[in-house]
Amino acid sequence: MHKFKNLIKEVLITISIAFCLSLLLQSFVLEARVIPTGSMLPTIQLNQRILVNKLIYKFIDPQRGDIIIFSPPIQTMDNKDYIKRVIGIAGDKIEIKDGLVYINDQPLIENYINDKPNYDFGPVIVPEKSLFVLGDNRNYSYDSHAWNKWLTLDRVKGKAFFTYWPFQRLGLLNTEVTSANISNK
């Protein structure tokens, strides 16, 4: 009977430690998310499951092309986090015209968007400690072009980097943003 009590005690301790480690990981390092909208189509589908690295931006700033999770800089009815792609970083000149996004007067090559933007925006300069973000579903995304406010770095919660469901889409998320003369700073 003594061995059985020790076994139960060891199992409970192991489960408790695993539970605490899981809470710590989810709170500070890695988080699973379900995508509730189609604003990132076709890159991320409605109800797709992704992993978010919550630790990375403690060491580096978001880069152009990163897909980030953040609390929106505007008041929303549901106050849920948003997911968008970083298009402009501090100091970038952003303009959207004739169906193209321009960064520092260079057209952005966007093989990941659903449709070309059907609106004009800017030109504007992204302020320090701020980002310009857009959904990949350009014409159906509530993002920087519509807010009239900047997304400040303090609102960023993490980088979406991997999708694990559905299995057909398993893998790293496409974060490549290119143009002839644009490079991440």
N, C-alpha and C. Protein backbone atom coordinates (compact mmCIF):
# COMPACT_ATOMS: atom_id res chain seq x y z
N MET A 1 0.82 -1.19 0.00
CA MET A 1 0.00 0.00 0.00
C MET A 1 0.86 1.25 0.00
N HIS A 2 2.01 1.18 0.68
CA HIS A 2 2.92 2.33 0.74
C HIS A 2 3.45 2.68 -0.65
N LYS A 3 3.78 1.65 -1.46
CA LYS A 3 4.27 1.88 -2.82
C LYS A 3 3.21 2.55 -3.68
N PHE A 4 1.94 2.15 -3.49
CA PHE A 4 0.84 2.72 -4.27
C PHE A 4 0.67 4.21 -3.94
N LYS A 5 0.77 4.57 -2.66
CA LYS A 5 0.66 5.99 -2.25
C LYS A 5 1.81 6.80 -2.85
N ASN A 6 3.02 6.24 -2.83
CA ASN A 6 4.16 6.94 -3.43
C ASN A 6 3.97 7.14 -4.92
N LEU A 7 3.43 6.11 -5.58
CA LEU A 7 3.18 6.21 -7.02
C LEU A 7 2.16 7.32 -7.31
N ILE A 8 1.09 7.36 -6.56
CA ILE A 8 0.06 8.40 -6.72
C ILE A 8 0.67 9.78 -6.47
N LYS A 9 1.47 9.88 -5.44
CA LYS A 9 2.11 11.14 -5.10
C LYS A 9 3.02 11.60 -6.24
N GLU A 10 3.82 10.69 -6.79
CA GLU A 10 4.72 11.03 -7.90
C GLU A 10 3.94 11.45 -9.14
N VAL A 11 2.85 10.75 -9.43
CA VAL A 11 2.02 11.09 -10.59
C VAL A 11 1.41 12.49 -10.41
N LEU A 12 0.89 12.78 -9.23
CA LEU A 12 0.30 14.10 -8.97
C LEU A 12 1.35 15.21 -9.07
N ILE A 13 2.53 14.97 -8.56
CA ILE A 13 3.60 15.96 -8.66
C ILE A 13 3.99 16.19 -10.12
N THR A 14 4.11 15.11 -10.88
CA THR A 14 4.46 15.22 -12.30
C THR A 14 3.39 16.00 -13.07
N ILE A 15 2.13 15.67 -12.81
CA ILE A 15 1.02 16.38 -13.48
C ILE A 15 1.02 17.86 -13.08
N SER A 16 1.25 18.15 -11.82
CA SER A 16 1.27 19.55 -11.35
C SER A 16 2.40 20.33 -12.00
N ILE A 17 3.58 19.74 -12.09
CA ILE A 17 4.72 20.41 -12.73
C ILE A 17 4.44 20.63 -14.21
N ALA A 18 3.89 19.62 -14.88
CA ALA A 18 3.56 19.75 -16.31
C ALA A 18 2.53 20.85 -16.52
N PHE A 19 1.52 20.91 -15.68
CA PHE A 19 0.49 21.95 -15.77
C PHE A 19 1.10 23.35 -15.58
N CYS A 20 1.96 23.51 -14.57
CA CYS A 20 2.60 24.81 -14.32
C CYS A 20 3.51 25.22 -15.49
N LEU A 21 4.28 24.27 -16.01
CA LEU A 21 5.13 24.56 -17.17
C LEU A 21 4.30 24.96 -18.38
N SER A 22 3.20 24.28 -18.58
CA SER A 22 2.30 24.59 -19.69
C SER A 22 1.74 26.01 -19.55
N LEU A 23 1.33 26.38 -18.36
CA LEU A 23 0.83 27.74 -18.12
C LEU A 23 1.90 28.78 -18.37
N LEU A 24 3.10 28.51 -17.91
CA LEU A 24 4.21 29.45 -18.13
C LEU A 24 4.53 29.60 -19.62
N LEU A 25 4.59 28.49 -20.33
CA LEU A 25 4.85 28.54 -21.77
C LEU A 25 3.78 29.33 -22.50
N GLN A 26 2.51 29.05 -22.20
CA GLN A 26 1.42 29.75 -22.88
C GLN A 26 1.37 31.22 -22.50
N SER A 27 1.72 31.57 -21.29
CA SER A 27 1.67 32.96 -20.86
C SER A 27 2.80 33.80 -21.43
N PHE A 28 3.99 33.21 -21.59
CA PHE A 28 5.15 34.01 -21.93
C PHE A 28 5.89 33.64 -23.21
N VAL A 29 5.69 32.44 -23.74
CA VAL A 29 6.52 31.98 -24.85
C VAL A 29 5.72 31.65 -26.11
N LEU A 30 4.81 30.74 -26.03
CA LEU A 30 4.14 30.21 -27.21
C LEU A 30 2.65 30.08 -26.94
N GLU A 31 1.85 30.50 -27.92
CA GLU A 31 0.41 30.43 -27.74
C GLU A 31 -0.26 29.94 -29.02
N ALA A 32 -1.25 29.08 -28.87
CA ALA A 32 -2.04 28.62 -30.01
C ALA A 32 -3.23 29.57 -30.17
N ARG A 33 -3.56 29.89 -31.42
CA ARG A 33 -4.68 30.78 -31.72
C ARG A 33 -5.53 30.19 -32.84
N VAL A 34 -6.82 30.52 -32.81
CA VAL A 34 -7.75 30.20 -33.89
C VAL A 34 -8.08 31.52 -34.58
N ILE A 35 -8.02 31.54 -35.90
CA ILE A 35 -8.26 32.77 -36.65
C ILE A 35 -9.77 32.94 -36.88
N PRO A 36 -10.37 34.04 -36.33
CA PRO A 36 -11.81 34.20 -36.38
C PRO A 36 -12.36 34.94 -37.60
N THR A 37 -11.49 35.51 -38.44
CA THR A 37 -11.97 36.30 -39.58
C THR A 37 -11.22 35.94 -40.85
N GLY A 38 -11.68 36.50 -41.95
CA GLY A 38 -11.04 36.28 -43.23
C GLY A 38 -10.13 37.41 -43.66
N SER A 39 -9.69 38.26 -42.74
CA SER A 39 -8.89 39.43 -43.12
C SER A 39 -7.49 39.07 -43.63
N MET A 40 -7.03 37.84 -43.39
CA MET A 40 -5.70 37.44 -43.85
C MET A 40 -5.77 36.41 -44.98
N LEU A 41 -6.94 36.26 -45.60
CA LEU A 41 -7.05 35.38 -46.76
C LEU A 41 -6.16 35.88 -47.89
N PRO A 42 -5.54 35.09 -48.66
CA PRO A 42 -5.55 33.63 -48.65
C PRO A 42 -4.46 33.00 -47.78
N THR A 43 -3.61 33.83 -47.15
CA THR A 43 -2.49 33.29 -46.36
C THR A 43 -2.99 32.46 -45.18
N ILE A 44 -3.97 32.98 -44.46
CA ILE A 44 -4.53 32.29 -43.31
C ILE A 44 -6.04 32.23 -43.49
N GLN A 45 -6.57 31.02 -43.43
CA GLN A 45 -8.00 30.79 -43.65
C GLN A 45 -8.80 31.00 -42.36
N LEU A 46 -10.08 31.23 -42.53
CA LEU A 46 -11.00 31.33 -41.41
C LEU A 46 -10.95 30.03 -40.60
N ASN A 47 -10.83 30.13 -39.30
CA ASN A 47 -10.76 29.01 -38.35
C ASN A 47 -9.47 28.20 -38.44
N GLN A 48 -8.48 28.68 -39.15
CA GLN A 48 -7.18 28.01 -39.18
C GLN A 48 -6.51 28.17 -37.82
N ARG A 49 -5.71 27.20 -37.43
CA ARG A 49 -4.99 27.24 -36.14
C ARG A 49 -3.53 27.60 -36.40
N ILE A 50 -3.03 28.53 -35.60
CA ILE A 50 -1.64 28.98 -35.75
C ILE A 50 -0.95 28.99 -34.39
N LEU A 51 0.38 29.05 -34.45
CA LEU A 51 1.18 29.24 -33.24
C LEU A 51 1.76 30.64 -33.27
N VAL A 52 1.82 31.27 -32.11
CA VAL A 52 2.32 32.63 -31.96
C VAL A 52 3.50 32.62 -31.01
N ASN A 53 4.63 33.18 -31.46
CA ASN A 53 5.82 33.34 -30.63
C ASN A 53 5.66 34.65 -29.85
N LYS A 54 5.43 34.56 -28.55
CA LYS A 54 5.20 35.75 -27.73
C LYS A 54 6.49 36.34 -27.17
N LEU A 55 7.59 35.65 -27.35
CA LEU A 55 8.86 36.07 -26.76
C LEU A 55 9.74 36.86 -27.73
N ILE A 56 9.61 36.63 -29.02
CA ILE A 56 10.54 37.17 -30.01
C ILE A 56 10.69 38.69 -29.96
N TYR A 57 9.59 39.41 -29.75
CA TYR A 57 9.66 40.88 -29.80
C TYR A 57 10.16 41.50 -28.50
N LYS A 58 10.57 40.67 -27.57
CA LYS A 58 11.30 41.17 -26.39
C LYS A 58 12.75 41.45 -26.76
N PHE A 59 13.20 40.83 -27.88
CA PHE A 59 14.60 40.93 -28.28
C PHE A 59 14.81 41.70 -29.59
N ILE A 60 13.83 41.65 -30.49
CA ILE A 60 13.93 42.36 -31.76
C ILE A 60 12.60 43.04 -32.06
N ASP A 61 12.64 44.06 -32.92
CA ASP A 61 11.42 44.72 -33.36
C ASP A 61 10.80 43.94 -34.50
N PRO A 62 9.48 44.07 -34.68
CA PRO A 62 8.85 43.43 -35.83
C PRO A 62 9.49 43.90 -37.14
N GLN A 63 9.56 43.00 -38.09
CA GLN A 63 10.15 43.29 -39.39
C GLN A 63 9.07 43.32 -40.47
N ARG A 64 9.36 44.02 -41.54
CA ARG A 64 8.45 44.06 -42.67
C ARG A 64 8.17 42.63 -43.13
N GLY A 65 6.87 42.31 -43.29
CA GLY A 65 6.47 40.97 -43.69
C GLY A 65 6.00 40.09 -42.55
N ASP A 66 6.41 40.38 -41.33
CA ASP A 66 5.97 39.58 -40.18
C ASP A 66 4.45 39.62 -40.08
N ILE A 67 3.88 38.49 -39.71
CA ILE A 67 2.45 38.42 -39.42
C ILE A 67 2.34 38.46 -37.90
N ILE A 68 1.66 39.50 -37.41
CA ILE A 68 1.67 39.74 -35.97
C ILE A 68 0.26 39.69 -35.37
N ILE A 69 0.24 39.39 -34.08
CA ILE A 69 -0.97 39.44 -33.27
C ILE A 69 -0.82 40.68 -32.39
N PHE A 70 -1.90 41.47 -32.27
CA PHE A 70 -1.82 42.71 -31.49
C PHE A 70 -3.20 43.13 -31.01
N SER A 71 -3.21 43.98 -29.99
CA SER A 71 -4.46 44.61 -29.60
C SER A 71 -4.61 45.86 -30.46
N PRO A 72 -5.78 46.05 -31.07
CA PRO A 72 -5.94 47.14 -32.03
C PRO A 72 -5.82 48.51 -31.36
N PRO A 73 -5.33 49.51 -32.13
CA PRO A 73 -5.18 50.86 -31.59
C PRO A 73 -6.48 51.65 -31.57
N ILE A 74 -7.56 51.00 -31.92
CA ILE A 74 -8.87 51.63 -31.95
C ILE A 74 -9.81 50.85 -31.04
N GLN A 75 -10.88 51.50 -30.62
CA GLN A 75 -11.87 50.84 -29.78
C GLN A 75 -12.77 49.98 -30.67
N THR A 76 -12.87 48.70 -30.38
CA THR A 76 -13.75 47.81 -31.14
C THR A 76 -14.84 47.28 -30.23
N MET A 77 -15.88 46.78 -30.83
CA MET A 77 -17.00 46.25 -30.05
C MET A 77 -16.63 44.98 -29.29
N ASP A 78 -15.74 44.18 -29.87
CA ASP A 78 -15.42 42.90 -29.23
C ASP A 78 -14.10 42.91 -28.48
N ASN A 79 -13.26 43.92 -28.71
CA ASN A 79 -11.97 44.04 -28.03
C ASN A 79 -11.10 42.80 -28.16
N LYS A 80 -11.19 42.10 -29.30
CA LYS A 80 -10.35 40.93 -29.54
C LYS A 80 -9.07 41.36 -30.24
N ASP A 81 -8.06 40.51 -30.12
CA ASP A 81 -6.80 40.76 -30.80
C ASP A 81 -6.98 40.65 -32.31
N TYR A 82 -6.12 41.36 -33.05
CA TYR A 82 -6.12 41.33 -34.51
C TYR A 82 -4.88 40.59 -35.00
N ILE A 83 -4.95 40.14 -36.24
CA ILE A 83 -3.79 39.56 -36.91
C ILE A 83 -3.65 40.25 -38.26
N LYS A 84 -2.46 40.78 -38.54
CA LYS A 84 -2.19 41.49 -39.80
C LYS A 84 -0.72 41.30 -40.16
N ARG A 85 -0.38 41.75 -41.38
CA ARG A 85 1.00 41.69 -41.86
C ARG A 85 1.64 43.06 -41.71
N VAL A 86 2.88 43.09 -41.21
CA VAL A 86 3.63 44.35 -41.12
C VAL A 86 4.06 44.75 -42.53
N ILE A 87 3.64 45.93 -42.94
CA ILE A 87 3.99 46.45 -44.26
C ILE A 87 5.03 47.56 -44.12
N GLY A 88 4.82 48.45 -43.16
CA GLY A 88 5.75 49.56 -42.95
C GLY A 88 6.29 49.58 -41.54
N ILE A 89 7.58 49.91 -41.43
CA ILE A 89 8.23 50.07 -40.12
C ILE A 89 8.65 51.53 -39.98
N ALA A 90 9.09 51.91 -38.81
CA ALA A 90 9.43 53.30 -38.52
C ALA A 90 10.32 53.90 -39.61
N GLY A 91 9.91 55.08 -40.10
CA GLY A 91 10.67 55.79 -41.11
C GLY A 91 10.25 55.50 -42.53
N ASP A 92 9.46 54.45 -42.76
CA ASP A 92 9.00 54.12 -44.11
C ASP A 92 7.96 55.11 -44.60
N LYS A 93 8.04 55.42 -45.88
CA LYS A 93 6.99 56.18 -46.55
C LYS A 93 6.05 55.17 -47.19
N ILE A 94 4.76 55.25 -46.84
CA ILE A 94 3.76 54.31 -47.33
C ILE A 94 2.75 55.05 -48.19
N GLU A 95 2.45 54.45 -49.35
CA GLU A 95 1.40 54.98 -50.21
C GLU A 95 0.73 53.82 -50.91
N ILE A 96 -0.59 53.92 -51.03
CA ILE A 96 -1.36 52.92 -51.76
C ILE A 96 -2.11 53.66 -52.87
N LYS A 97 -1.81 53.29 -54.11
CA LYS A 97 -2.48 53.93 -55.25
C LYS A 97 -2.44 52.99 -56.45
N ASP A 98 -3.45 53.13 -57.29
CA ASP A 98 -3.54 52.35 -58.53
C ASP A 98 -3.40 50.84 -58.28
N GLY A 99 -3.94 50.37 -57.16
CA GLY A 99 -3.92 48.93 -56.87
C GLY A 99 -2.60 48.40 -56.36
N LEU A 100 -1.64 49.27 -56.03
CA LEU A 100 -0.34 48.84 -55.53
C LEU A 100 0.00 49.53 -54.22
N VAL A 101 0.79 48.83 -53.40
CA VAL A 101 1.35 49.41 -52.18
C VAL A 101 2.78 49.81 -52.49
N TYR A 102 3.12 51.04 -52.12
CA TYR A 102 4.48 51.54 -52.32
C TYR A 102 5.13 51.76 -50.97
N ILE A 103 6.36 51.27 -50.84
CA ILE A 103 7.18 51.54 -49.66
C ILE A 103 8.39 52.32 -50.14
N ASN A 104 8.55 53.51 -49.60
CA ASN A 104 9.66 54.39 -49.99
C ASN A 104 9.73 54.54 -51.52
N ASP A 105 8.55 54.75 -52.11
CA ASP A 105 8.36 54.98 -53.55
C ASP A 105 8.64 53.77 -54.42
N GLN A 106 8.82 52.59 -53.82
CA GLN A 106 9.05 51.34 -54.57
C GLN A 106 7.81 50.46 -54.45
N PRO A 107 7.30 49.94 -55.58
CA PRO A 107 6.12 49.07 -55.49
C PRO A 107 6.44 47.76 -54.78
N LEU A 108 5.53 47.35 -53.93
CA LEU A 108 5.68 46.11 -53.18
C LEU A 108 5.17 44.96 -54.04
N ILE A 109 5.94 43.90 -54.13
CA ILE A 109 5.53 42.70 -54.84
C ILE A 109 4.79 41.82 -53.84
N GLU A 110 3.49 41.63 -54.06
CA GLU A 110 2.66 40.95 -53.07
C GLU A 110 1.98 39.73 -53.69
N ASN A 111 2.68 38.61 -53.67
CA ASN A 111 2.11 37.38 -54.22
C ASN A 111 1.23 36.66 -53.21
N TYR A 112 1.02 37.24 -52.04
CA TYR A 112 0.26 36.62 -50.98
C TYR A 112 -1.11 37.26 -50.77
N ILE A 113 -1.47 38.31 -51.51
CA ILE A 113 -2.74 39.00 -51.26
C ILE A 113 -3.88 38.36 -52.04
N ASN A 114 -5.10 38.59 -51.55
CA ASN A 114 -6.30 38.07 -52.20
C ASN A 114 -6.61 38.86 -53.47
N ASP A 115 -6.70 40.17 -53.36
CA ASP A 115 -6.95 41.07 -54.48
C ASP A 115 -6.16 42.34 -54.27
N LYS A 116 -5.89 43.05 -55.36
CA LYS A 116 -5.21 44.34 -55.24
C LYS A 116 -6.11 45.32 -54.50
N PRO A 117 -5.51 46.25 -53.74
CA PRO A 117 -6.33 47.23 -53.02
C PRO A 117 -7.15 48.07 -54.00
N ASN A 118 -8.42 48.30 -53.66
CA ASN A 118 -9.28 49.13 -54.49
C ASN A 118 -9.48 50.51 -53.86
N TYR A 119 -8.48 50.97 -53.13
CA TYR A 119 -8.53 52.27 -52.47
C TYR A 119 -7.17 52.93 -52.58
N ASP A 120 -7.15 54.24 -52.32
CA ASP A 120 -5.89 54.99 -52.26
C ASP A 120 -5.65 55.42 -50.82
N PHE A 121 -4.39 55.55 -50.47
CA PHE A 121 -4.02 55.95 -49.11
C PHE A 121 -2.67 56.63 -49.16
N GLY A 122 -2.51 57.67 -48.33
CA GLY A 122 -1.22 58.31 -48.17
C GLY A 122 -0.87 59.28 -49.28
N PRO A 123 0.39 59.63 -49.34
CA PRO A 123 1.55 59.06 -48.64
C PRO A 123 1.65 59.53 -47.19
N VAL A 124 2.18 58.65 -46.36
CA VAL A 124 2.43 58.92 -44.95
C VAL A 124 3.78 58.35 -44.57
N ILE A 125 4.35 58.89 -43.50
CA ILE A 125 5.61 58.37 -42.95
C ILE A 125 5.28 57.68 -41.62
N VAL A 126 5.73 56.45 -41.47
CA VAL A 126 5.49 55.70 -40.24
C VAL A 126 6.36 56.29 -39.13
N PRO A 127 5.74 56.74 -38.02
CA PRO A 127 6.52 57.34 -36.93
C PRO A 127 7.37 56.31 -36.17
N GLU A 128 8.27 56.82 -35.35
CA GLU A 128 9.10 55.96 -34.49
C GLU A 128 8.21 55.11 -33.59
N LYS A 129 8.68 53.91 -33.30
CA LYS A 129 8.00 52.96 -32.42
C LYS A 129 6.59 52.65 -32.89
N SER A 130 6.39 52.65 -34.21
CA SER A 130 5.08 52.37 -34.79
C SER A 130 5.21 51.47 -36.01
N LEU A 131 4.08 50.92 -36.41
CA LEU A 131 4.02 50.04 -37.57
C LEU A 131 2.82 50.41 -38.43
N PHE A 132 2.92 50.07 -39.71
CA PHE A 132 1.79 50.15 -40.63
C PHE A 132 1.47 48.71 -41.01
N VAL A 133 0.24 48.26 -40.72
CA VAL A 133 -0.13 46.86 -40.94
C VAL A 133 -1.34 46.78 -41.86
N LEU A 134 -1.37 45.75 -42.69
CA LEU A 134 -2.49 45.48 -43.57
C LEU A 134 -2.83 44.00 -43.53
N GLY A 135 -4.11 43.69 -43.72
CA GLY A 135 -4.52 42.31 -43.89
C GLY A 135 -4.23 41.89 -45.32
N ASP A 136 -3.97 40.62 -45.55
CA ASP A 136 -3.70 40.13 -46.90
C ASP A 136 -4.96 40.17 -47.77
N ASN A 137 -6.12 40.18 -47.16
CA ASN A 137 -7.38 40.34 -47.86
C ASN A 137 -7.67 41.85 -47.89
N ARG A 138 -6.83 42.56 -48.65
CA ARG A 138 -6.74 44.02 -48.63
C ARG A 138 -8.07 44.76 -48.59
N ASN A 139 -9.02 44.36 -49.37
CA ASN A 139 -10.26 45.13 -49.49
C ASN A 139 -11.30 44.80 -48.43
N TYR A 140 -11.02 43.80 -47.60
CA TYR A 140 -11.95 43.40 -46.55
C TYR A 140 -11.24 43.27 -45.21
N SER A 141 -10.31 44.16 -44.96
CA SER A 141 -9.53 44.12 -43.73
C SER A 141 -9.59 45.48 -43.04
N TYR A 142 -9.92 45.47 -41.77
CA TYR A 142 -9.94 46.69 -40.96
C TYR A 142 -8.54 46.84 -40.38
N ASP A 143 -7.73 47.72 -40.98
CA ASP A 143 -6.31 47.79 -40.67
C ASP A 143 -5.81 49.22 -40.71
N SER A 144 -4.51 49.43 -40.79
CA SER A 144 -3.90 50.75 -40.69
C SER A 144 -4.49 51.76 -41.68
N HIS A 145 -4.84 51.33 -42.87
CA HIS A 145 -5.36 52.29 -43.86
C HIS A 145 -6.71 52.86 -43.43
N ALA A 146 -7.44 52.18 -42.55
CA ALA A 146 -8.77 52.61 -42.12
C ALA A 146 -8.80 53.25 -40.73
N TRP A 147 -7.79 53.03 -39.91
CA TRP A 147 -7.84 53.48 -38.51
C TRP A 147 -7.57 54.96 -38.31
N ASN A 148 -6.73 55.55 -39.15
CA ASN A 148 -6.24 56.91 -38.91
C ASN A 148 -5.48 57.00 -37.59
N LYS A 149 -4.88 55.89 -37.19
CA LYS A 149 -4.00 55.80 -36.02
C LYS A 149 -2.92 54.81 -36.36
N TRP A 150 -1.77 54.96 -35.71
CA TRP A 150 -0.66 54.02 -35.92
C TRP A 150 -0.76 52.89 -34.94
N LEU A 151 -0.23 51.75 -35.35
CA LEU A 151 -0.09 50.63 -34.43
C LEU A 151 1.25 50.83 -33.74
N THR A 152 1.22 51.10 -32.44
CA THR A 152 2.47 51.30 -31.70
C THR A 152 3.00 49.94 -31.23
N LEU A 153 4.32 49.88 -31.10
CA LEU A 153 4.98 48.61 -30.76
C LEU A 153 4.49 48.01 -29.44
N ASP A 154 4.05 48.85 -28.51
CA ASP A 154 3.61 48.34 -27.21
C ASP A 154 2.32 47.52 -27.30
N ARG A 155 1.62 47.57 -28.41
CA ARG A 155 0.38 46.82 -28.59
C ARG A 155 0.61 45.43 -29.23
N VAL A 156 1.82 45.20 -29.71
CA VAL A 156 2.14 43.93 -30.38
C VAL A 156 2.33 42.83 -29.33
N LYS A 157 1.65 41.70 -29.56
CA LYS A 157 1.70 40.60 -28.60
C LYS A 157 2.57 39.44 -29.04
N GLY A 158 2.78 39.31 -30.36
CA GLY A 158 3.61 38.21 -30.82
C GLY A 158 3.59 38.05 -32.32
N LYS A 159 4.42 37.11 -32.79
CA LYS A 159 4.57 36.83 -34.21
C LYS A 159 3.95 35.48 -34.53
N ALA A 160 2.99 35.48 -35.46
CA ALA A 160 2.43 34.23 -35.95
C ALA A 160 3.46 33.62 -36.90
N PHE A 161 3.81 32.37 -36.69
CA PHE A 161 4.89 31.81 -37.49
C PHE A 161 4.60 30.42 -38.04
N PHE A 162 3.61 29.71 -37.50
CA PHE A 162 3.40 28.32 -37.90
C PHE A 162 1.91 28.01 -37.87
N THR A 163 1.45 27.26 -38.85
CA THR A 163 0.07 26.79 -38.85
C THR A 163 0.06 25.27 -38.68
N TYR A 164 -0.83 24.79 -37.81
CA TYR A 164 -0.87 23.36 -37.54
C TYR A 164 -2.21 22.71 -37.85
N TRP A 165 -3.20 23.53 -38.21
CA TRP A 165 -4.50 22.97 -38.59
C TRP A 165 -5.18 23.88 -39.56
N PRO A 166 -5.74 23.40 -40.63
CA PRO A 166 -5.84 22.01 -41.03
C PRO A 166 -4.50 21.45 -41.50
N PHE A 167 -4.37 20.14 -41.46
CA PHE A 167 -3.10 19.49 -41.78
C PHE A 167 -2.60 19.80 -43.18
N GLN A 168 -3.52 20.05 -44.13
CA GLN A 168 -3.10 20.35 -45.50
C GLN A 168 -2.29 21.64 -45.57
N ARG A 169 -2.45 22.51 -44.60
CA ARG A 169 -1.75 23.80 -44.58
C ARG A 169 -0.60 23.82 -43.57
N LEU A 170 -0.26 22.68 -43.02
CA LEU A 170 0.78 22.55 -42.01
C LEU A 170 2.09 23.16 -42.49
N GLY A 171 2.69 24.04 -41.69
CA GLY A 171 3.99 24.59 -42.04
C GLY A 171 4.17 26.04 -41.62
N LEU A 172 5.31 26.60 -42.01
CA LEU A 172 5.63 27.99 -41.69
C LEU A 172 4.78 28.94 -42.51
N LEU A 173 4.44 30.10 -41.93
CA LEU A 173 3.68 31.12 -42.64
C LEU A 173 4.60 31.93 -43.54
N ASN A 174 4.11 32.34 -44.70
CA ASN A 174 4.88 33.15 -45.64
C ASN A 174 4.99 34.58 -45.11
N THR A 175 6.20 35.00 -44.78
CA THR A 175 6.42 36.37 -44.29
C THR A 175 7.35 37.15 -45.21
N GLU A 176 7.54 36.67 -46.43
CA GLU A 176 8.44 37.35 -47.36
C GLU A 176 7.73 38.53 -48.03
N VAL A 177 8.30 39.70 -47.90
CA VAL A 177 7.81 40.91 -48.56
C VAL A 177 8.95 41.43 -49.40
N THR A 178 8.71 41.58 -50.72
CA THR A 178 9.81 41.96 -51.58
C THR A 178 9.44 43.09 -52.55
N SER A 179 10.46 43.76 -52.96
CA SER A 179 10.40 44.76 -54.02
C SER A 179 11.80 44.88 -54.55
N ALA A 180 11.94 45.51 -55.67
CA ALA A 180 13.25 45.61 -56.29
C ALA A 180 14.29 46.27 -55.38
N ASN A 181 13.89 47.28 -54.63
CA ASN A 181 14.87 48.04 -53.84
C ASN A 181 14.52 48.14 -52.37
N ILE A 182 13.64 47.29 -51.87
CA ILE A 182 13.24 47.36 -50.45
C ILE A 182 13.90 46.24 -49.69
N SER A 183 14.49 46.58 -48.57
CA SER A 183 15.03 45.55 -47.69
C SER A 183 14.62 45.88 -46.28
N ASN A 184 14.53 44.88 -45.42
CA ASN A 184 14.22 45.14 -44.00
C ASN A 184 15.38 45.91 -43.39
N LYS A 185 15.03 46.90 -42.59
CA LYS A 185 16.06 47.73 -41.96
C LYS A 185 16.67 47.02 -40.78
